[in-house]
Amino acid sequence: MKIIADANIPFVAECFSSIGEVKIVGGREITPGIVSDADVLLVRSITPVDSDLLADSKVRFVATATIGFDHIDIDFLRRNNIGFTSAPGSNSNSAAEYVIAGLLEIGQKYDIDLEDKSIGIIGVGNVGSRVAKKCAALGMQIYLNDPPLQRQTGEAKYLPLKELFDCDFITLHTPLTFEGVDKTYHLADEKFFKSLKERCVFVNASRGGVVDSEALKTAIRSGRLRAVVLDVWENEPNIDTELLRMVDLSTPHIAGYSLDGKVAGMIMIYKAACEYFGLESKYGIEDFLPEPAVKQIEIDLDSGSEQEILHQSVQQVYVINRDDFNTREIAMVPEETRGKFFDDLRKNYPVRREFQNTRIVIKEFATEGTGDTENKLKRSSSMKVLSEKLAEIGFKEVKIKRKKGKSEKLR
């Protein structure tokens, strides 16, 4: 069995070689000629899979190692009896952690206390629901918008879009759709941005086409937006470098690029392929994930405010500023090489692990013999709140390291 696989799927050759002969190809280099004699096609989001690619091929099974599948012509696959699977939820935690890292960085940059700030989450699927949970852990007020889910569940928590316009933060987590009542193409258009609260912080980690880039630039120039975090762009990989220079945090469509998420997605499509062809699966996630580089972080309770400590902790695992710095270099290279530069940032993306791999130890050096019972109670309460927030945004566990005696596991 011949398998064509996107080079950006980690360990794909090592894993899928158990069921066939694997050929690794760059996602934008997968052409009709490449797939003509293949049985299986494994892609990520940058490869359109439709009749133009597969019409004259032998492909019997297609898989995308991503949550979304707007790049796949599902109807074509169905009409031609070609099996299909995606990897729902595989990198949702990675994308949610990206948003938390972005919010904490913007909070640090503009001295914004996230506690009690309102955030409107548009799209409450695998990613959006995790973002909601983590933002709630930060003490933010959560407002949700997801028309399909509202119709499906009838739950009042899913609000009309207009009820999110007064939020301090807006973050997008929708699929990209071009028609129907829930069309999301250019959902964030001129009218959308004019409706937002003055000095709103805007985040897009869904799909570039959900945002009208010209409308976003107009909103930034007008001063309506306080800050903008963009992971996705219209016309990738040939992104708008004017917009790139205007946003506060820019990244090359890597929100879901944690190694944990990539490997989880790879294993999901591997097991689906084995099931489709009636083969035994030999591997699991544990066979490919290495030990994390940052196994433990020690925190001094006196090193800053609660939010500063949260920011410091996240930065030790994921430095979003580094991705921003690298992405901005796109504007410095010749125009004809910018698309390749964007793709290379994704292809050569460094290993990023999720918070769940790292243990937090809070060092407690309470003064003994002072008799200040009230101060000790306040510190104890602060430690408890901080430990809960760290655990709820995803860290492995939180312990208190006493000056004397044993450590106490709080979460």
Protein backbone atom coordinates (compact mmCIF):
# COMPACT_ATOMS: atom_id res chain seq x y z
CA MET A 1 0.00 0.00 0.00
CA LYS A 2 1.44 3.38 -1.04
CA ILE A 3 0.95 6.32 1.32
CA ILE A 4 1.58 9.99 0.48
CA ALA A 5 2.01 12.11 3.63
CA ASP A 6 2.50 15.80 4.38
CA ALA A 7 5.99 16.48 5.71
CA ASN A 8 4.52 18.54 8.58
CA ILE A 9 2.92 15.49 10.23
CA PRO A 10 5.49 14.43 12.85
CA PHE A 11 6.61 10.79 12.99
CA VAL A 12 4.25 9.94 10.13
CA ALA A 13 6.80 7.77 8.31
CA GLU A 14 7.80 5.90 11.47
CA CYS A 15 4.17 5.22 12.35
CA PHE A 16 2.51 4.55 8.98
CA SER A 17 5.37 2.39 7.72
CA SER A 18 3.74 -0.35 9.80
CA ILE A 19 0.93 -0.53 7.23
CA GLY A 20 2.53 0.60 3.97
CA GLU A 21 5.23 2.37 2.00
CA VAL A 22 5.34 6.06 3.02
CA LYS A 23 6.47 8.93 0.78
CA ILE A 24 6.90 12.31 2.48
CA VAL A 25 5.96 15.40 0.45
CA GLY A 26 5.58 19.10 1.29
CA GLY A 27 1.94 20.05 1.72
CA ARG A 28 1.94 22.53 -1.17
CA GLU A 29 3.86 20.07 -3.37
CA ILE A 30 1.14 17.38 -3.32
CA THR A 31 -0.02 17.32 -6.95
CA PRO A 32 -2.17 15.00 -9.09
CA GLY A 33 1.02 13.40 -10.40
CA ILE A 34 2.27 12.71 -6.88
CA VAL A 35 -0.95 11.01 -5.74
CA SER A 36 -1.86 9.23 -9.00
CA ASP A 37 -0.73 5.77 -7.85
CA ALA A 38 -1.24 6.26 -4.10
CA ASP A 39 -3.72 4.33 -1.96
CA VAL A 40 -3.70 6.69 1.02
CA LEU A 41 -3.31 10.47 1.25
CA LEU A 42 -2.44 12.15 4.56
CA VAL A 43 -2.58 15.97 4.68
CA ARG A 44 -2.75 18.99 6.92
CA SER A 45 -4.70 22.20 6.31
CA ILE A 46 -2.68 23.68 3.44
CA THR A 47 -3.48 20.95 0.87
CA PRO A 48 -6.84 21.30 -0.95
CA VAL A 49 -8.22 17.82 -1.55
CA ASP A 50 -10.82 17.77 -4.32
CA SER A 51 -11.53 16.47 -7.81
CA ASP A 52 -8.65 18.49 -9.27
CA LEU A 53 -6.22 16.54 -7.09
CA LEU A 54 -7.81 13.08 -7.00
CA ALA A 55 -9.87 12.64 -10.17
CA ASP A 56 -7.35 10.37 -11.90
CA SER A 57 -5.84 8.76 -8.81
CA LYS A 58 -6.14 5.38 -7.10
CA VAL A 59 -6.56 6.97 -3.65
CA ARG A 60 -8.94 4.98 -1.46
CA PHE A 61 -8.54 6.78 1.85
CA VAL A 62 -7.89 10.44 2.78
CA ALA A 63 -7.06 11.76 6.24
CA THR A 64 -6.29 15.23 7.54
CA ALA A 65 -4.35 15.45 10.79
CA THR A 66 -6.26 18.59 11.75
CA ILE A 67 -9.47 19.55 13.52
CA GLY A 68 -10.91 21.45 10.58
CA PHE A 69 -11.56 20.02 7.14
CA ASP A 70 -12.72 22.99 5.07
CA HIS A 71 -9.83 22.15 2.70
CA ILE A 72 -11.43 18.76 1.91
CA ASP A 73 -14.23 18.24 -0.62
CA ILE A 74 -16.23 15.78 1.45
CA ASP A 75 -18.96 15.40 -1.17
CA PHE A 76 -16.42 14.40 -3.82
CA LEU A 77 -14.93 11.76 -1.52
CA ARG A 78 -18.37 10.40 -0.68
CA ARG A 79 -19.45 10.21 -4.33
CA ASN A 80 -16.29 8.29 -5.18
CA ASN A 81 -16.39 5.92 -2.20
CA ILE A 82 -13.14 7.28 -0.79
CA GLY A 83 -12.78 6.84 2.95
CA PHE A 84 -12.15 9.93 5.06
CA THR A 85 -11.21 10.90 8.59
CA SER A 86 -10.03 14.01 10.41
CA ALA A 87 -8.61 14.54 13.87
CA PRO A 88 -11.32 16.38 15.84
CA GLY A 89 -10.06 17.78 19.12
CA SER A 90 -6.48 16.66 18.57
CA ASN A 91 -4.92 20.11 18.76
CA SER A 92 -7.73 21.98 20.49
CA ASN A 93 -5.86 22.21 23.78
CA SER A 94 -2.81 23.56 21.97
CA ALA A 95 -4.88 26.28 20.30
CA ALA A 96 -6.57 27.17 23.60
CA GLU A 97 -3.18 27.45 25.31
CA TYR A 98 -2.06 29.73 22.48
CA VAL A 99 -4.98 32.07 23.25
CA ILE A 100 -4.14 32.08 26.98
CA ALA A 101 -0.49 32.87 26.19
CA GLY A 102 -1.64 35.70 23.92
CA LEU A 103 -4.05 37.17 26.47
CA LEU A 104 -1.43 37.11 29.23
CA GLU A 105 1.13 38.73 26.94
CA ILE A 106 -1.30 41.50 25.93
CA GLY A 107 -2.19 41.95 29.60
CA GLN A 108 1.49 42.35 30.42
CA LYS A 109 2.13 44.73 27.50
CA TYR A 110 -0.78 47.07 28.21
CA ASP A 111 -1.08 46.56 31.98
CA ILE A 112 -4.55 45.03 31.64
CA ASP A 113 -5.85 43.04 34.61
CA LEU A 114 -7.72 40.12 33.02
CA GLU A 115 -9.70 39.43 36.19
CA ASP A 116 -13.36 40.38 35.63
CA LYS A 117 -12.74 41.46 32.04
CA SER A 118 -15.32 40.18 29.57
CA ILE A 119 -14.41 37.96 26.63
CA GLY A 120 -16.68 37.07 23.75
CA ILE A 121 -15.94 33.66 22.24
CA ILE A 122 -17.33 33.20 18.73
CA GLY A 123 -17.40 29.50 17.91
CA VAL A 124 -17.64 27.12 20.87
CA GLY A 125 -16.50 23.80 19.43
CA ASN A 126 -13.45 21.82 20.50
CA VAL A 127 -11.21 24.89 20.71
CA GLY A 128 -13.71 27.55 21.76
CA SER A 129 -15.04 25.47 24.65
CA ARG A 130 -11.52 24.97 26.00
CA VAL A 131 -10.77 28.67 25.62
CA ALA A 132 -13.92 29.41 27.62
CA LYS A 133 -12.85 27.10 30.44
CA LYS A 134 -9.32 28.49 30.63
CA CYS A 135 -10.48 32.11 30.46
CA ALA A 136 -12.96 31.42 33.24
CA ALA A 137 -10.04 30.11 35.29
CA LEU A 138 -8.36 33.49 34.81
CA GLY A 139 -11.43 35.13 36.33
CA MET A 140 -12.80 36.50 33.06
CA GLN A 141 -16.51 36.86 32.31
CA ILE A 142 -17.46 34.51 29.48
CA TYR A 143 -19.91 35.28 26.67
CA LEU A 144 -20.53 32.62 24.02
CA ASN A 145 -21.81 32.76 20.46
CA ASP A 146 -22.40 29.66 18.35
CA PRO A 147 -25.62 29.68 16.28
CA PRO A 148 -25.45 26.01 15.20
CA LEU A 149 -24.94 24.87 18.80
CA GLN A 150 -27.73 27.17 20.00
CA ARG A 151 -30.15 25.64 17.53
CA GLN A 152 -28.98 22.14 18.36
CA THR A 153 -29.13 22.47 22.14
CA GLY A 154 -31.53 25.35 22.73
CA GLU A 155 -29.25 26.50 25.55
CA ALA A 156 -29.57 30.14 26.55
CA LYS A 157 -25.82 30.47 27.17
CA TYR A 158 -25.27 30.74 23.40
CA LEU A 159 -26.01 34.39 22.74
CA PRO A 160 -26.75 36.38 19.58
CA LEU A 161 -23.58 37.90 18.13
CA LYS A 162 -24.68 41.45 18.93
CA GLU A 163 -24.64 40.63 22.66
CA LEU A 164 -20.88 40.05 22.48
CA PHE A 165 -20.07 43.44 20.99
CA ASP A 166 -19.67 45.10 24.38
CA CYS A 167 -16.96 42.65 25.52
CA ASP A 168 -13.44 43.77 26.39
CA PHE A 169 -11.98 40.89 24.35
CA ILE A 170 -13.24 39.04 21.27
CA THR A 171 -11.73 35.76 20.05
CA LEU A 172 -12.74 33.77 16.94
CA HIS A 173 -12.85 29.96 16.79
CA THR A 174 -15.18 29.17 13.90
CA PRO A 175 -14.66 27.01 10.82
CA LEU A 176 -14.48 28.79 7.47
CA THR A 177 -17.73 28.42 5.51
CA PHE A 178 -18.78 30.31 2.39
CA GLU A 179 -22.55 29.85 2.24
CA GLY A 180 -25.64 29.13 4.26
CA VAL A 181 -27.17 30.78 7.28
CA ASP A 182 -23.97 30.26 9.27
CA LYS A 183 -21.55 31.55 6.63
CA THR A 184 -18.35 32.69 8.35
CA TYR A 185 -16.37 34.09 5.41
CA HIS A 186 -15.62 37.72 6.33
CA LEU A 187 -17.77 37.38 9.44
CA ALA A 188 -15.53 40.05 10.94
CA ASP A 189 -16.17 42.78 8.38
CA GLU A 190 -16.41 46.57 8.54
CA LYS A 191 -19.80 46.48 10.27
CA PHE A 192 -18.50 43.92 12.78
CA PHE A 193 -15.51 46.03 13.81
CA LYS A 194 -17.56 49.23 14.02
CA SER A 195 -19.92 47.41 16.40
CA LEU A 196 -17.19 46.39 18.85
CA LYS A 197 -16.58 48.14 22.15
CA GLU A 198 -14.01 50.93 21.94
CA ARG A 199 -10.51 49.64 22.78
CA CYS A 200 -11.50 45.99 22.42
CA VAL A 201 -8.74 43.37 22.13
CA PHE A 202 -9.25 41.18 19.06
CA VAL A 203 -7.91 37.62 18.58
CA ASN A 204 -8.21 35.33 15.55
CA ALA A 205 -6.91 31.77 15.76
CA SER A 206 -9.55 30.17 13.51
CA ARG A 207 -9.18 30.73 9.77
CA GLY A 208 -7.80 33.78 7.98
CA GLY A 209 -10.83 34.18 5.72
CA VAL A 210 -13.16 34.68 8.69
CA VAL A 211 -11.72 38.20 8.91
CA ASP A 212 -11.84 40.88 6.21
CA SER A 213 -8.23 42.08 6.35
CA GLU A 214 -9.01 45.52 4.93
CA ALA A 215 -11.74 46.05 7.53
CA LEU A 216 -9.36 44.96 10.27
CA LYS A 217 -6.69 47.40 9.11
CA THR A 218 -9.25 50.20 9.07
CA ALA A 219 -10.30 49.33 12.62
CA ILE A 220 -6.69 49.36 13.81
CA ARG A 221 -5.94 52.71 12.12
CA SER A 222 -9.04 54.26 13.69
CA GLY A 223 -7.82 53.34 17.17
CA ARG A 224 -10.97 51.35 17.87
CA LEU A 225 -8.97 48.23 18.78
CA ARG A 226 -6.60 48.29 21.72
CA ALA A 227 -4.64 45.25 20.55
CA VAL A 228 -4.76 42.50 17.92
CA VAL A 229 -3.46 38.93 18.04
CA LEU A 230 -3.41 37.09 14.70
CA ASP A 231 -2.40 33.51 14.06
CA VAL A 232 -4.24 33.10 10.76
CA TRP A 233 -4.27 35.25 7.65
CA GLU A 234 -6.09 35.70 4.39
CA ASN A 235 -4.25 34.35 1.35
CA GLU A 236 -1.74 32.24 3.27
CA PRO A 237 1.15 31.84 2.69
CA ASN A 238 1.25 35.22 0.89
CA ILE A 239 0.05 37.24 3.83
CA ASP A 240 -0.61 40.98 4.08
CA THR A 241 2.66 42.45 5.37
CA GLU A 242 1.02 45.82 6.05
CA LEU A 243 -1.37 44.07 8.44
CA LEU A 244 1.55 42.09 9.86
CA ARG A 245 3.26 45.33 10.88
CA MET A 246 0.08 46.66 12.50
CA VAL A 247 -0.84 43.80 14.86
CA ASP A 248 0.53 43.30 18.36
CA LEU A 249 1.21 39.58 18.15
CA SER A 250 1.68 37.77 14.84
CA THR A 251 2.21 34.04 14.34
CA PRO A 252 2.26 31.81 11.23
CA HIS A 253 -0.85 29.65 11.73
CA ILE A 254 0.74 27.62 14.53
CA ALA A 255 -1.79 27.95 17.39
CA GLY A 256 -2.47 24.21 17.21
CA TYR A 257 1.16 23.26 16.58
CA SER A 258 2.12 21.78 19.93
CA LEU A 259 3.96 18.48 19.53
CA ASP A 260 1.31 16.89 21.77
CA GLY A 261 -1.46 18.02 19.42
CA LYS A 262 0.38 17.00 16.27
CA VAL A 263 1.17 13.53 17.57
CA ALA A 264 -2.39 13.09 18.85
CA GLY A 265 -3.72 14.00 15.40
CA MET A 266 -1.29 11.64 13.70
CA ILE A 267 -2.30 8.73 15.94
CA MET A 268 -6.00 9.45 15.41
CA ILE A 269 -5.71 9.23 11.62
CA TYR A 270 -3.36 6.22 11.91
CA LYS A 271 -5.90 4.25 13.93
CA ALA A 272 -8.69 5.31 11.56
CA ALA A 273 -6.67 4.11 8.56
CA CYS A 274 -5.95 0.78 10.26
CA GLU A 275 -9.64 0.32 10.99
CA TYR A 276 -10.64 1.26 7.42
CA PHE A 277 -8.28 -1.31 5.89
CA GLY A 278 -8.87 -3.95 8.57
CA LEU A 279 -5.30 -3.79 9.90
CA GLU A 280 -3.92 -3.98 13.42
CA SER A 281 -2.67 -0.69 14.87
CA LYS A 282 0.74 -1.08 16.52
CA TYR A 283 1.36 2.40 17.93
CA GLY A 284 -0.09 4.90 20.41
CA ILE A 285 0.72 8.48 21.43
CA GLU A 286 3.10 7.27 24.14
CA ASP A 287 5.36 5.71 21.50
CA PHE A 288 6.30 9.08 20.03
CA LEU A 289 6.12 11.81 22.69
CA PRO A 290 9.53 12.53 24.28
CA GLU A 291 10.16 13.82 27.79
CA PRO A 292 9.29 17.53 28.05
CA ALA A 293 12.14 20.06 28.14
CA VAL A 294 10.50 21.83 31.10
CA LYS A 295 9.41 19.19 33.59
CA GLN A 296 9.03 21.50 36.57
CA ILE A 297 8.74 25.21 37.30
CA GLU A 298 9.41 26.70 40.75
CA ILE A 299 7.52 29.86 41.59
CA ASP A 300 8.23 32.40 44.32
CA LEU A 301 4.93 33.81 45.57
CA ASP A 302 6.66 37.18 46.10
CA SER A 303 7.95 37.42 42.50
CA GLY A 304 5.00 39.48 41.28
CA SER A 305 1.25 39.80 41.14
CA GLU A 306 -0.90 36.74 40.52
CA GLN A 307 -1.27 37.58 36.82
CA GLU A 308 2.46 38.28 36.49
CA ILE A 309 3.22 34.86 37.97
CA LEU A 310 0.75 33.22 35.57
CA HIS A 311 2.44 35.02 32.68
CA GLN A 312 5.92 34.01 33.86
CA SER A 313 4.84 30.38 34.23
CA VAL A 314 3.34 30.21 30.73
CA GLN A 315 6.40 31.92 29.23
CA GLN A 316 8.67 29.22 30.59
CA VAL A 317 6.75 26.65 28.54
CA TYR A 318 5.67 28.71 25.52
CA VAL A 319 7.25 32.06 24.57
CA ILE A 320 4.70 33.48 22.15
CA ASN A 321 6.89 36.56 21.62
CA ARG A 322 9.47 34.36 19.91
CA ASP A 323 6.91 33.26 17.33
CA ASP A 324 5.92 36.90 16.87
CA PHE A 325 9.55 37.94 16.31
CA ASN A 326 10.11 35.20 13.73
CA THR A 327 6.88 35.97 11.88
CA ARG A 328 7.74 39.67 11.53
CA GLU A 329 10.82 38.71 9.55
CA ILE A 330 8.47 37.92 6.66
CA ALA A 331 8.17 41.67 6.01
CA MET A 332 11.96 41.96 5.76
CA VAL A 333 12.57 39.42 2.99
CA PRO A 334 12.00 39.99 -0.76
CA GLU A 335 8.33 39.84 -1.72
CA GLU A 336 8.79 36.84 -4.00
CA THR A 337 10.19 34.74 -1.10
CA ARG A 338 7.65 35.68 1.58
CA GLY A 339 5.28 32.79 0.89
CA LYS A 340 8.09 30.26 1.22
CA PHE A 341 9.33 32.00 4.37
CA PHE A 342 5.84 31.66 5.91
CA ASP A 343 5.67 27.98 5.01
CA ASP A 344 9.19 27.37 6.30
CA LEU A 345 8.26 28.86 9.68
CA ARG A 346 5.55 26.20 9.92
CA LYS A 347 7.64 23.39 8.46
CA ASN A 348 10.56 24.07 10.81
CA TYR A 349 8.47 25.01 13.84
CA PRO A 350 10.36 24.21 17.06
CA VAL A 351 9.06 21.66 19.54
CA ARG A 352 6.39 23.16 21.77
CA ARG A 353 4.90 21.13 24.58
CA GLU A 354 1.60 21.70 26.33
CA PHE A 355 1.23 22.90 29.92
CA GLN A 356 0.01 19.44 30.98
CA ASN A 357 3.59 18.14 30.84
CA THR A 358 4.91 20.58 33.44
CA ARG A 359 4.59 20.46 37.22
CA ILE A 360 4.37 23.71 39.19
CA VAL A 361 6.00 24.07 42.61
CA ILE A 362 5.12 27.21 44.59
CA LYS A 363 7.86 28.07 47.08
CA GLU A 364 6.43 29.27 50.37
CA PHE A 365 8.79 31.08 52.75
CA ALA A 366 6.38 32.38 55.34
CA THR A 367 8.04 34.26 58.20
CA GLU A 368 7.96 32.24 61.39
CA GLY A 369 7.29 33.58 64.85
CA THR A 370 5.84 36.90 63.76
CA GLY A 371 2.41 36.18 65.09
CA ASP A 372 0.90 37.84 62.02
CA THR A 373 -1.96 35.37 61.64
CA GLU A 374 -3.90 37.61 59.26
CA ASN A 375 -0.94 37.86 56.86
CA LYS A 376 -0.41 34.09 56.92
CA LEU A 377 -4.08 33.52 56.12
CA LYS A 378 -3.89 35.95 53.20
CA ARG A 379 -0.82 34.20 51.82
CA SER A 380 -2.46 30.82 52.21
CA SER A 381 -5.53 32.07 50.37
CA SER A 382 -3.39 33.60 47.61
CA MET A 383 -1.51 30.34 47.15
CA LYS A 384 -4.74 28.39 46.89
CA VAL A 385 -6.24 30.73 44.28
CA LEU A 386 -3.02 30.79 42.24
CA SER A 387 -2.66 27.02 42.35
CA GLU A 388 -6.26 26.57 41.16
CA LYS A 389 -5.72 28.94 38.23
CA LEU A 390 -2.48 27.25 37.20
CA ALA A 391 -4.14 23.84 37.31
CA GLU A 392 -7.25 24.97 35.45
CA ILE A 393 -5.32 26.54 32.57
CA GLY A 394 -3.67 23.16 32.19
CA PHE A 395 -0.51 22.63 34.23
CA LYS A 396 0.15 19.07 35.34
CA GLU A 397 -0.10 19.57 39.08
CA VAL A 398 0.65 22.25 41.64
CA LYS A 399 2.54 21.72 44.89
CA ILE A 400 3.51 23.96 47.76
CA LYS A 401 7.14 23.66 48.84
CA ARG A 402 7.30 24.56 52.51
CA LYS A 403 10.39 26.02 54.15
CA LYS A 404 10.42 23.04 56.46
CA GLY A 405 8.76 19.65 56.16
CA LYS A 406 7.13 17.92 53.23
CA SER A 407 5.64 19.40 50.10
CA GLU A 408 1.88 19.67 49.95
CA LYS A 409 0.07 18.77 46.76
CA LEU A 410 -2.81 21.17 46.19
CA ARG A 411 -4.02 20.09 42.74
